[in-house]
Amino acid sequence: MTRRFLLAAALIVALAAGPARALEPADLLIVCNSRMPGSRAVAEHYARQRQVPTANIIELALTDSESMPRTDFETSLLLPLRQQVLALQEKGRQPALLLVYGVPLKVGVAPEAVSAEEKAQLPHRLADLEALAASLAGRLAGHTGQEPPSSAAAPLPYARSVVQQTLRFLAAPPKPPPTPATLAEIHSLLYLLAGTEPFARLASGKADGGEDFLVKLHGIVANQLASLPFLGVPPGLELQTAALIRAGQGLVGELSFWQERQQRDPEPMTAAAVDSELALLLAGSYDLARWLPNPWHVQFDQWPGIAAIRGRTIMVARLDGPSPAHAKRLVDDALWAEAHGLAGNFCIDARGLSPAKDGFYGEYDQQLRTLRDILQKQSDLPVIFDDTPDLFGPGACPKTALYCGWYSLTKYVDAFAWQRGSVGFHVASGEASTLRAANSQVWVKRMIEEGVAATLGPVQEPYLQSFPRPDLFFPLLLAGRLPLIEVYFRSTPFLSWRQVLIGDPLYNPFKTRPAIKAESPLP
């Protein structure tokens, strides 16, 4: 019940906390490839259908391959688009990108950013910091009546514990209180261990607002660090970032930072979807080693400084398929469904997995069951639900309007009679690895060939946690408050990663006919 209550709250917040205004056709920049026959025609067709100004069509000379090297991506695509996005922002628009048929799908690996020498130095740096943290924490513990560390105590957890107990000591000092000299020593050690952060916490309850130097400094440092979770540490800036973290969070924060760096995957995972990298084209330099959190996701709506971070994050969608005709059909079907309604079955294919027994796989399977429960109590849509290891077989899903299920790796199963305007996605590891290979059976390509109007999927192994939660993505869509691109960006967890959204970004099949009661508590 608690989890579903939180999901209901997240849904309501998501509908209320999107962009400052609804996305408009004039916000879209349509990107096509001058070297790919038919690409410009798809861009022009979309612009006509959605009344996007023709000046918003950007034609670039790109490779006609579905993949492009990282250097070409940066020089031929990212840099020219950045200028266009900034120019549109100056006109008061909130730019979003639509990549069309012919724009490459995948971007290659980035050069190694960390030298072997730097990697070799990291264990020595950690050992020095751990020894210093243990020493400082032991001294601080002695001043506040805490137990000294044992020889087996891990330095970082012990230091954190000492900091927390010291804060309680300062909030309610003993009688008699410590001498001024002792108090000054406690403050000094606390600052060295935990930076400005504890002083801001101690001052938060004071009537004067705690307007002292350390509190003001903490505000400055916290502002500098606000984007760190979303951009990571850009190559070459590790030491600068560590120094900033030490100022705000002390030795404990810096030690945590370097420990996390040491525990990172030994092989960087820099290959990504072009679309997902372009979402960060205004972010400047950022960490390419693996995925980054998507600041538009509903979980960050209350994050300090999130508005500024979102202002540097661009929503991206793709109008694409095996041919220009397939790509054009996506917007045609979207417009038809908006005018006539999207009706049919919601087909959900779970696997009968348990969160307790099957870990992450069981948790995602449970999200499919939660989606079924939401639909049964908050929607009149007919649901076809399977909770066995078997996939839907041929003919199992007549009149399919919506679909989510798993797991058939790169092998589409023809179980569906897709309704015009249908939306769905299949959870597997390589279902958007190609949109053009003639004999490929990957789900995204085959679903488009069979008639789906909007879908999503990964260009290569993305890991399960990178897929949107079905019990968030689909309720957002069914509520009819947000267009497709915003539904996706409010629910997809990561950027600079491997998922792509394919469909008309402005598509909102339930705008005039909501299919779920979004304001109501979910079951």
Foldseek 3Di string as FASTA:
>chain_A
DVVLLVLLVLQVLLLVQFPPDFAALQQEQEEFAPVEPLGVVLVVLVCVLRVHPPVSYHYWHDDQELEDEQVCLVPGPLVVVVVVNVVSVVVVHQHAYAYEARDHWKYDFDPDQDDPVNLVCLVVVLVVLLVVLLVLLQVLCVLQVHDRDDPPDRSLVSSVVSLVSVLVCVLPPDPVGDDPVSVVSNVVSSCQQFALASQQVSQCPDPVSSPDDSNVVLVVLCVVCLCCQFFPAFRPCLVVVLVSQCNNTHSSRSSVVSVVVNPDDPQFDQMATSQLQSQQSQVPGGDRRAWGWQLLASVNSPRPPSVVVNSRGHQYAYQYFQDSVLSSLLSVLLVVLQVVNQAFEEEEEAAQADCVPPPPNNVLSVLSVLLVQQCVVFFPHHYHYDHHNDGQAACNGESHQEYEYDDDEFADHNNYQYDRAHEYEYDYFALVLDRHDPPTRRDVRVVSVNHYSKYKDFSGGFDRLQDFRPNQLVLSLLQQSHFNSSSCSNTGTTGSHTMHIHGDRRRRSCNVPRGGDSNDRGD
